[in-house]
Protein backbone atom coordinates (compact mmCIF):
# COMPACT_ATOMS: atom_id res chain seq x y z
CA MET A 1 9.99 -7.01 8.22
CA LYS A 2 10.42 -3.43 7.10
CA THR A 3 12.35 -1.09 9.33
CA LEU A 4 11.09 1.98 11.12
CA LEU A 5 12.16 5.01 9.14
CA GLN A 6 12.73 8.36 10.82
CA LEU A 7 11.65 11.18 8.54
CA ALA A 8 12.69 13.93 10.92
CA ILE A 9 16.38 13.10 10.47
CA PHE A 10 16.50 14.06 6.85
CA LEU A 11 13.40 15.94 5.81
CA SER A 12 13.03 19.68 6.16
CA ILE A 13 10.08 20.65 4.04
CA SER A 14 7.82 23.68 3.72
CA SER A 15 4.31 22.59 2.77
CA CYS A 16 1.60 24.98 1.62
CA LEU A 17 -2.07 24.90 0.73
CA TYR A 18 -1.50 26.14 -2.82
CA GLY A 19 0.21 22.84 -3.65
CA GLN A 20 -2.88 20.81 -2.90
CA THR A 21 -4.90 18.89 -5.47
CA PRO A 22 -8.36 17.35 -4.74
CA HIS A 23 -9.13 13.84 -5.98
CA ASN A 24 -12.25 11.69 -5.93
CA PHE A 25 -12.11 7.96 -5.35
CA SER A 26 -14.85 5.35 -5.32
CA ALA A 27 -15.67 1.72 -4.58
CA GLY A 28 -18.95 2.09 -6.46
CA ALA A 29 -22.51 1.99 -5.17
CA SER A 30 -22.91 -0.57 -2.36
CA TYR A 31 -19.10 -0.85 -2.34
CA SER A 32 -19.25 -3.25 -5.29
CA ASN A 33 -15.68 -2.67 -6.52
CA SER A 34 -12.10 -2.35 -5.38
CA GLN A 35 -10.25 0.66 -6.76
CA TYR A 36 -6.46 0.61 -7.18
CA TYR A 37 -4.71 3.98 -7.24
CA ASN A 38 -1.27 5.26 -8.23
CA LEU A 39 -0.38 8.42 -6.30
CA SER A 40 2.13 9.76 -8.81
CA THR A 41 0.13 9.23 -12.02
CA ASP A 42 -3.43 9.40 -10.60
CA ALA A 43 -4.22 6.23 -12.58
CA THR A 44 -7.11 4.17 -11.18
CA THR A 45 -8.25 0.61 -11.87
CA ASP A 46 -11.72 -0.59 -10.82
CA VAL A 47 -12.28 -4.32 -10.28
CA SER A 48 -15.50 -6.07 -9.27
CA HIS A 49 -15.30 -7.96 -5.97
CA SER A 50 -16.79 -11.02 -7.66
CA THR A 51 -13.78 -11.41 -9.97
CA TRP A 52 -11.67 -13.68 -7.73
CA ASP A 53 -11.83 -16.12 -4.80
CA ILE A 54 -8.29 -16.79 -3.52
CA ALA A 55 -4.94 -15.10 -4.13
CA PHE A 56 -1.27 -16.06 -3.81
CA SER A 57 1.58 -13.72 -2.84
CA VAL A 58 4.13 -13.32 -5.64
CA ILE A 59 6.37 -10.62 -4.17
CA GLY A 60 9.64 -12.51 -3.82
CA GLY A 61 11.28 -15.90 -3.57
CA THR A 62 10.43 -16.72 0.05
CA ASP A 63 6.88 -15.42 0.57
CA ALA A 64 4.06 -17.96 0.49
CA GLY A 65 0.95 -16.05 1.52
CA ILE A 66 -2.49 -17.29 0.44
CA PHE A 67 -5.57 -15.07 0.84
CA ILE A 68 -9.35 -15.41 0.72
CA ASN A 69 -11.47 -12.70 -0.92
CA GLU A 70 -13.30 -10.91 1.91
CA ALA A 71 -14.27 -7.90 -0.18
CA ALA A 72 -17.70 -9.08 -1.38
CA ALA A 73 -19.12 -9.47 2.13
CA PHE A 74 -21.34 -6.36 1.78
CA SER A 75 -23.52 -8.18 -0.74
CA GLY A 76 -23.24 -11.52 1.07
CA THR A 77 -21.35 -13.23 -1.74
CA ALA A 78 -17.84 -13.39 -0.32
CA PRO A 79 -16.25 -16.84 -0.34
CA LYS A 80 -15.26 -18.36 2.99
CA ILE A 81 -12.45 -20.76 3.80
CA PHE A 82 -12.39 -23.39 6.56
CA HIS A 83 -9.72 -25.67 7.92
CA ILE A 84 -10.60 -29.39 7.75
CA PRO A 85 -8.67 -31.15 10.53
CA ASN A 86 -7.84 -34.87 10.55
CA LYS A 87 -8.72 -35.42 6.88
CA THR A 88 -6.80 -35.89 3.65
CA PHE A 89 -7.65 -34.72 0.14
CA SER A 90 -8.70 -38.24 -0.90
CA ASP A 91 -11.38 -38.43 1.81
CA ASN A 92 -15.04 -37.67 1.22
CA ILE A 93 -15.81 -34.49 3.14
CA LEU A 94 -18.99 -33.57 5.03
CA ILE A 95 -20.10 -30.16 6.26
CA ALA A 96 -19.72 -31.53 9.78
CA ASP A 97 -16.00 -32.06 9.12
CA LEU A 98 -15.34 -28.35 8.72
CA GLY A 99 -13.33 -26.62 11.41
CA ASP A 100 -12.88 -22.92 12.03
CA ALA A 101 -13.35 -20.27 9.37
CA LEU A 102 -10.05 -18.53 8.62
CA LYS A 103 -9.60 -14.81 8.01
CA ASN A 104 -6.92 -12.64 6.45
CA THR A 105 -4.90 -10.68 8.98
CA GLU A 106 -4.63 -7.60 6.69
CA THR A 107 -1.25 -6.71 8.18
CA THR A 108 1.07 -7.88 5.41
CA TRP A 109 0.86 -9.00 1.78
CA THR A 110 2.94 -12.10 2.58
CA GLU A 111 0.51 -13.76 5.02
CA GLY A 112 -3.16 -14.44 4.34
CA ALA A 113 -5.94 -16.57 5.80
CA LEU A 114 -4.26 -19.88 4.92
CA ASN A 115 -1.14 -18.83 6.84
CA THR A 116 -2.94 -18.21 10.14
CA LEU A 117 -2.59 -21.83 11.33
CA LYS A 118 1.19 -21.60 11.44
CA VAL A 119 3.14 -22.15 14.64
CA ALA A 120 4.77 -18.80 15.30
CA SER A 121 7.84 -20.32 16.94
CA ASN A 122 8.55 -22.50 13.87
CA TRP A 123 10.16 -20.39 11.15
CA ALA A 124 9.58 -23.15 8.58
CA ASP A 125 5.80 -23.28 9.17
CA TYR A 126 3.71 -21.38 6.62
CA GLY A 127 0.33 -22.53 7.94
CA TRP A 128 -0.75 -24.39 4.82
CA GLY A 129 2.62 -26.14 4.57
CA VAL A 130 6.10 -26.54 6.01
CA TYR A 131 9.44 -25.71 4.41
CA ASN A 132 11.56 -28.81 3.70
CA LEU A 133 15.26 -28.10 4.26
CA THR A 134 16.27 -31.04 2.08
CA ASN A 135 14.44 -30.23 -1.16
CA HIS A 136 13.80 -26.52 -0.47
CA LYS A 137 10.06 -26.81 -1.08
CA VAL A 138 7.14 -25.67 1.04
CA GLU A 139 5.12 -28.89 1.23
CA GLY A 140 1.39 -28.86 1.92
CA THR A 141 0.16 -30.17 5.28
CA ALA A 142 -3.37 -28.75 5.70
CA LEU A 143 -6.71 -29.43 4.01
CA TYR A 144 -9.27 -26.67 3.44
CA ALA A 145 -12.86 -26.20 2.36
CA VAL A 146 -13.92 -23.21 0.30
CA GLU A 147 -17.54 -22.09 0.49
CA LEU A 148 -18.17 -20.17 -2.71
CA GLY A 149 -20.47 -17.20 -3.07
CA ASN A 150 -23.20 -19.36 -4.61
CA GLY A 151 -23.26 -21.67 -1.57
CA SER A 152 -21.39 -24.59 -3.15
CA TYR A 153 -18.23 -26.11 -1.63
CA LYS A 154 -14.81 -27.23 -2.82
CA LYS A 155 -12.10 -29.05 -0.91
CA LEU A 156 -8.69 -27.47 -1.47
CA PHE A 157 -5.15 -28.71 -0.92
CA ILE A 158 -2.02 -26.66 -1.62
CA ASP A 159 0.48 -29.32 -2.71
CA GLU A 160 3.66 -27.24 -2.67
CA LEU A 161 5.57 -24.11 -3.51
CA ALA A 162 8.67 -25.23 -5.41
CA GLY A 163 10.99 -23.10 -7.51
CA GLY A 164 8.59 -20.18 -7.31
CA VAL A 165 5.63 -22.25 -8.55
CA TYR A 166 2.52 -22.93 -6.46
CA SER A 167 0.80 -26.26 -7.16
CA PHE A 168 -2.69 -26.92 -5.80
CA GLN A 169 -5.75 -29.07 -6.41
CA TYR A 170 -9.43 -28.83 -5.60
CA ALA A 171 -12.59 -30.86 -6.14
CA ASP A 172 -16.15 -31.32 -4.93
CA PHE A 173 -16.44 -32.86 -1.46
CA ASP A 174 -16.95 -36.33 -2.99
CA GLY A 175 -13.84 -36.00 -5.18
CA THR A 176 -15.59 -35.28 -8.46
CA ASN A 177 -14.71 -32.36 -10.74
CA LEU A 178 -11.04 -32.54 -9.80
CA GLU A 179 -8.86 -29.66 -10.98
CA GLN A 180 -5.06 -29.38 -10.64
CA LYS A 181 -3.48 -25.97 -11.14
CA THR A 182 -0.15 -24.15 -10.96
CA ILE A 183 0.74 -20.49 -10.51
CA ASP A 184 4.25 -19.39 -11.45
CA LYS A 185 5.49 -16.31 -9.58
CA SER A 186 7.83 -15.37 -12.42
CA THR A 187 4.88 -14.47 -14.66
CA TYR A 188 3.71 -11.80 -12.21
CA THR A 189 6.55 -9.27 -12.34
CA ASN A 190 5.85 -6.13 -10.27
CA GLN A 191 2.68 -7.71 -8.89
CA THR A 192 1.77 -8.27 -5.24
CA LEU A 193 -0.77 -11.09 -5.56
CA ALA A 194 -1.83 -13.56 -8.25
CA TYR A 195 -5.61 -14.03 -8.22
CA PHE A 196 -7.64 -17.19 -8.92
CA SER A 197 -11.33 -17.79 -9.65
CA PHE A 198 -13.07 -21.12 -9.04
CA ALA A 199 -15.85 -19.97 -11.37
CA THR A 200 -13.48 -19.86 -14.35
CA ASN A 201 -10.92 -22.39 -13.01
CA SER A 202 -8.18 -19.94 -13.93
CA THR A 203 -6.16 -16.97 -12.81
CA VAL A 204 -7.68 -13.53 -13.39
CA THR A 205 -6.19 -10.06 -13.79
CA VAL A 206 -6.99 -7.81 -10.83
CA GLU A 207 -4.05 -5.51 -10.05
CA PRO A 208 -2.92 -2.90 -12.59
CA THR A 209 0.33 -3.91 -14.25
CA THR A 210 1.72 -0.37 -14.10
CA GLY A 211 2.04 -0.28 -10.31
CA TRP A 212 -0.26 0.95 -7.54
CA ASP A 213 0.10 2.56 -4.11
CA TRP A 214 -3.18 1.70 -2.43
CA VAL A 215 -6.47 -0.10 -2.96
CA PHE A 216 -9.81 1.19 -1.68
CA THR A 217 -11.68 -2.00 -0.87
CA ARG A 218 -13.64 -4.12 1.61
CA TYR A 219 -11.90 -6.23 4.26
CA GLU A 220 -12.64 -7.71 7.66
CA THR A 221 -11.16 -6.27 10.83
CA ILE A 222 -11.78 -6.41 14.56
CA LEU A 223 -13.79 -3.55 16.07
CA ASP A 224 -14.41 -2.74 19.72
CA ASN A 225 -18.07 -3.41 20.54
CA ALA A 226 -18.48 -1.98 24.05
CA GLY A 227 -15.32 -3.72 25.17
CA THR A 228 -15.97 -6.93 23.24
CA PRO A 229 -13.91 -7.62 20.09
CA MET A 230 -16.21 -7.98 17.07
CA PRO A 231 -15.21 -9.01 13.53
CA TYR A 232 -16.71 -6.60 11.03
CA THR A 233 -16.32 -5.95 7.31
CA VAL A 234 -15.27 -2.36 6.64
CA THR A 235 -14.46 -0.22 3.62
CA GLY A 236 -11.01 1.29 3.72
CA ILE A 237 -7.58 1.72 2.18
CA LEU A 238 -4.85 -0.93 2.15
CA THR A 239 -1.40 0.20 1.03
CA ASN A 240 0.81 -1.79 -1.31
CA GLU A 241 4.09 -3.50 -0.50
CA ASN A 242 6.93 -0.96 -0.04
CA VAL A 243 4.55 1.96 0.49
CA GLU A 244 5.34 3.81 3.74
CA VAL A 245 2.76 5.74 5.77
CA ALA A 246 2.97 8.16 8.70
CA LEU A 247 -0.16 9.27 10.59
CA ALA A 248 -0.36 12.84 11.90
CA ASP A 249 -3.43 13.21 14.14
CA GLY A 250 -4.78 16.13 16.13
CA ILE A 251 -2.94 18.65 13.95
CA ASN A 252 -3.57 21.62 11.67
CA PRO A 253 -3.52 20.06 8.18
CA THR A 254 -2.29 23.33 6.65
CA THR A 255 0.81 23.79 8.79
CA VAL A 256 1.75 20.23 9.77
CA ASN A 257 5.35 19.33 8.86
CA ALA A 258 6.33 15.88 7.60
CA ALA A 259 9.70 16.18 9.31
CA ASN A 260 8.04 15.79 12.72
CA TYR A 261 6.65 12.31 12.06
CA THR A 262 7.91 8.77 11.69
CA THR A 263 6.71 6.20 9.22
CA THR A 264 6.33 2.44 9.22
CA ALA A 265 5.12 0.04 6.55
CA ASP A 266 4.69 -2.99 8.81
CA ASN A 267 0.89 -2.63 8.69
CA LEU A 268 -0.87 -2.22 5.37
CA ARG A 269 -3.97 -0.96 7.24
CA LEU A 270 -2.26 2.16 8.60
CA ILE A 271 -4.59 4.37 6.54
CA GLY A 272 -7.36 1.81 6.92
CA HIS A 273 -10.98 2.77 7.53
CA ASP A 274 -11.12 5.06 10.58
CA TRP A 275 -10.37 8.33 8.76
CA LYS A 276 -14.17 8.40 8.38
CA VAL A 277 -16.83 8.03 11.05
CA TYR A 278 -20.57 7.40 10.95
CA ASP A 279 -23.04 9.33 13.05
CA PHE A 280 -26.69 8.23 12.99
CA ALA A 281 -27.84 11.85 13.20
CA ASN A 282 -25.52 13.35 10.59
CA GLY A 283 -24.34 10.45 8.46
CA TRP A 284 -20.73 10.06 7.33
CA GLY A 285 -18.02 12.51 8.32
CA VAL A 286 -14.22 12.65 8.13
CA ASP A 287 -11.55 13.46 10.70
CA ALA A 288 -10.68 17.09 9.98
CA ASP A 289 -7.46 17.21 12.02
CA ARG A 290 -5.73 14.19 10.53
CA VAL A 291 -3.37 13.77 7.57
CA TYR A 292 -1.21 10.94 6.29
CA PHE A 293 2.28 11.28 4.87
CA VAL A 294 2.66 8.59 2.21
CA LYS A 295 5.88 7.52 0.52
CA ALA A 296 4.75 6.11 -2.83
CA ILE A 297 6.32 3.20 -4.69
CA ASP A 298 8.37 5.65 -6.79
CA ASN A 299 9.76 7.32 -3.61
CA SER A 300 7.64 10.46 -3.97
CA LEU A 301 6.32 11.82 -0.67
CA TYR A 302 2.74 13.11 -0.41
CA LYS A 303 0.50 14.60 2.23
CA ILE A 304 -3.00 13.12 2.10
CA GLN A 305 -6.05 14.61 3.81
CA PHE A 306 -9.48 13.02 3.45
CA VAL A 307 -12.20 15.68 3.21
CA ASP A 308 -15.41 13.84 2.26
CA PHE A 309 -17.07 10.43 2.22
CA GLN A 310 -20.57 9.70 0.91
CA GLY A 311 -21.13 6.13 2.12
CA SER A 312 -22.62 3.17 0.29
CA SER A 313 -25.00 5.22 -1.87
CA THR A 314 -22.11 6.10 -4.19
CA GLY A 315 -19.08 4.60 -2.43
CA GLN A 316 -17.27 7.85 -3.21
CA GLY A 317 -14.89 9.95 -1.16
CA THR A 318 -12.56 12.89 -1.72
CA PHE A 319 -9.01 13.51 -0.55
CA VAL A 320 -6.58 16.38 -1.01
CA LYS A 321 -3.08 15.45 -2.18
CA THR A 322 0.00 17.62 -1.72
CA TYR A 323 3.32 16.67 -3.29
CA ILE A 324 6.13 17.32 -0.79
CA GLY A 325 9.29 16.02 -2.41
CA GLN A 326 11.37 12.96 -3.13
CA TRP A 327 11.97 10.60 -0.25
CA THR A 328 15.44 9.19 0.38
CA SER A 329 16.21 6.12 2.46
CA ILE A 330 17.74 6.65 5.88
CA ASP A 331 20.51 4.26 4.84
CA ASN A 332 21.79 6.88 2.39
CA LEU A 333 21.62 9.86 4.73
CA GLN A 334 23.51 10.63 7.91
CA LYS A 335 22.10 12.05 11.12
CA ASP A 336 24.51 15.00 10.90
CA SER A 337 23.66 16.75 7.67
CA PRO A 338 26.42 19.07 6.36
CA LEU A 339 23.79 21.61 5.27
CA GLU A 340 23.96 24.68 7.52
CA GLN A 341 21.95 27.35 5.72
CA PHE A 342 19.55 27.36 2.77
CA GLN A 343 17.77 30.28 1.12
CA VAL A 344 15.70 30.74 -2.06
CA PHE A 345 14.91 34.26 -3.34
CA PRO A 346 12.99 36.00 -4.70
CA ASN A 347 9.89 33.97 -3.88
CA PRO A 348 7.56 34.55 -5.73
CA ALA A 349 9.80 34.82 -8.79
CA SER A 350 9.33 35.49 -12.50
CA ASP A 351 12.61 35.22 -14.44
CA TYR A 352 15.33 33.98 -12.10
CA VAL A 353 15.55 32.16 -8.77
CA ASN A 354 18.65 32.48 -6.60
CA ILE A 355 19.70 29.65 -4.30
CA THR A 356 22.29 30.09 -1.59
CA PHE A 357 23.36 27.40 0.85
CA SER A 358 26.25 26.68 3.16
CA LEU A 359 27.90 23.29 3.71
CA GLU A 360 30.23 22.02 6.42
CA GLN A 361 31.79 19.70 3.85
CA ALA A 362 31.83 19.50 0.07
CA GLN A 363 29.18 17.42 -1.71
CA GLU A 364 29.87 15.93 -5.13
CA ASP A 365 27.12 15.26 -7.65
CA MET A 366 24.47 17.25 -5.76
CA GLN A 367 21.18 17.32 -7.68
CA VAL A 368 19.22 20.55 -8.06
CA GLN A 369 15.67 19.69 -9.11
CA LEU A 370 12.44 21.51 -9.91
CA ARG A 371 9.14 19.60 -9.79
CA ASP A 372 5.50 20.56 -10.16
CA VAL A 373 2.97 19.90 -7.40
CA LEU A 374 2.18 16.47 -8.89
CA GLY A 375 5.81 15.44 -8.49
CA ARG A 376 6.77 15.52 -12.17
CA LEU A 377 10.44 16.36 -12.72
CA LEU A 378 10.76 19.51 -14.86
CA PHE A 379 14.40 20.44 -14.39
CA ASN A 380 17.48 18.65 -13.05
CA THR A 381 21.14 19.59 -12.95
CA SER A 382 24.16 18.22 -11.10
CA ILE A 383 26.72 20.37 -9.28
CA ASN A 384 29.83 19.80 -7.17
CA ALA A 385 29.07 21.89 -4.09
CA VAL A 386 32.04 23.23 -2.12
CA SER A 387 32.56 23.49 1.60
CA GLY A 388 31.27 26.88 2.72
CA LEU A 389 28.95 29.17 0.79
CA ASN A 390 27.43 28.10 -2.54
CA ALA A 391 25.28 30.27 -4.83
CA LEU A 392 23.23 29.34 -7.91
CA GLU A 393 21.02 31.30 -10.28
CA LEU A 394 18.30 29.38 -12.15
CA ASN A 395 16.51 30.73 -15.21
CA VAL A 396 12.81 29.93 -14.67
CA SER A 397 11.34 32.22 -17.32
CA ASP A 398 10.27 29.30 -19.52
CA PHE A 399 8.06 27.74 -16.85
CA ALA A 400 4.35 28.54 -16.57
CA SER A 401 3.01 30.48 -13.63
CA GLY A 402 2.18 28.22 -10.73
CA ASN A 403 3.48 26.40 -7.68
CA TYR A 404 6.64 24.30 -7.72
CA ILE A 405 9.00 22.37 -5.44
CA LEU A 406 12.73 23.22 -5.58
CA SER A 407 15.07 20.71 -3.95
CA LEU A 408 18.72 19.93 -3.24
CA GLN A 409 19.73 16.29 -2.91
CA SER A 410 22.98 14.42 -2.32
CA ASP A 411 24.15 11.42 -0.31
CA LYS A 412 23.82 13.44 2.89
CA VAL A 413 21.45 16.28 2.06
CA LEU A 414 17.77 16.51 1.19
CA LYS A 415 16.24 19.98 1.32
CA SER A 416 13.03 21.13 -0.39
CA GLN A 417 11.33 24.50 -0.68
CA SER A 418 7.98 25.49 -2.18
CA ILE A 419 8.25 28.36 -4.67
CA ILE A 420 5.79 30.41 -6.71
CA LEU A 421 6.48 31.42 -10.31
CA ARG A 422 4.45 34.18 -11.92
């Protein structure tokens, strides 16, 4: 469980419109693809929903999440998974034997549809299996049926998770066409899930290997239908493991300050789908007084405002991204910052920028950094700041005209200021 992180304790940031950059994103016409996105590099990866059927969490040593692909539901080809109670893998299975359909919770990357049967009070229960204290394996206890997109069925049993290796088997309901497979977590470094296709009887590459912050995709959630909960497949954004998000609603997107908001990563749907709304008279619209503050996987902090969505005709939307600064964990910063005063002048500047700041106590190895609005580090120097008044002069004549972020950072200080060079 990730902890609640209080941005206001250690962020004091001036954010301006001139640091904003518009970006288009798309799930394709009829929402046919998932699109993975890296906030810091703007790299995107498009993957067809039909590529995979089930996926296994490969984040760490103790997670054992198993997911079903809900993304293809718009075209009616999404696989479904059912629990089969009171049966074993060796039994012949009938359609009448199938129990409830299981759904992903979409709240964490460590628990999927096959984990929903677990007994919450039993820490060793993973839903599809139970952890054995003697041999340190998660041993399979539940039988499942997978209805594939073409209407055929497979029975599925997850044998175990042992030493970081998933072992599972599947076959037709009568036991024919048996396949036995393994997935080794160690081969998926820096990945969140390992994906498997019953069509190819093999794992498939879905996530980009260079890291991603969110995926624009299809997933099922519960909507309020006149007071009655209704499962519905939506198109929205799911954030990756270790990406933190804060929602600022009912605000002025131009003047809103990240320091006034908290962030939590306990729910990967925090951006989700409701930044856009559909009106039968006017079509799709976006919430104009809402932004998200997103801490990316590389610890860069961005302000995100969605400004357009075109619906299923193109699957395309547009957001505006503003780089704010580098995020530092609350564990490394104290509530009582020694920084008393901070000033940057002139601003705008052309040749030199002067920085003055006052500290209650000396700070060794304080970093002075200059970044562009995309978060790329352009200049970095280390100083030993003294107690009392400190003054620096930076030569910025070699940098192109534009908008930049100047920051001070130490174990107890994080201060950023937008500057203009011309």
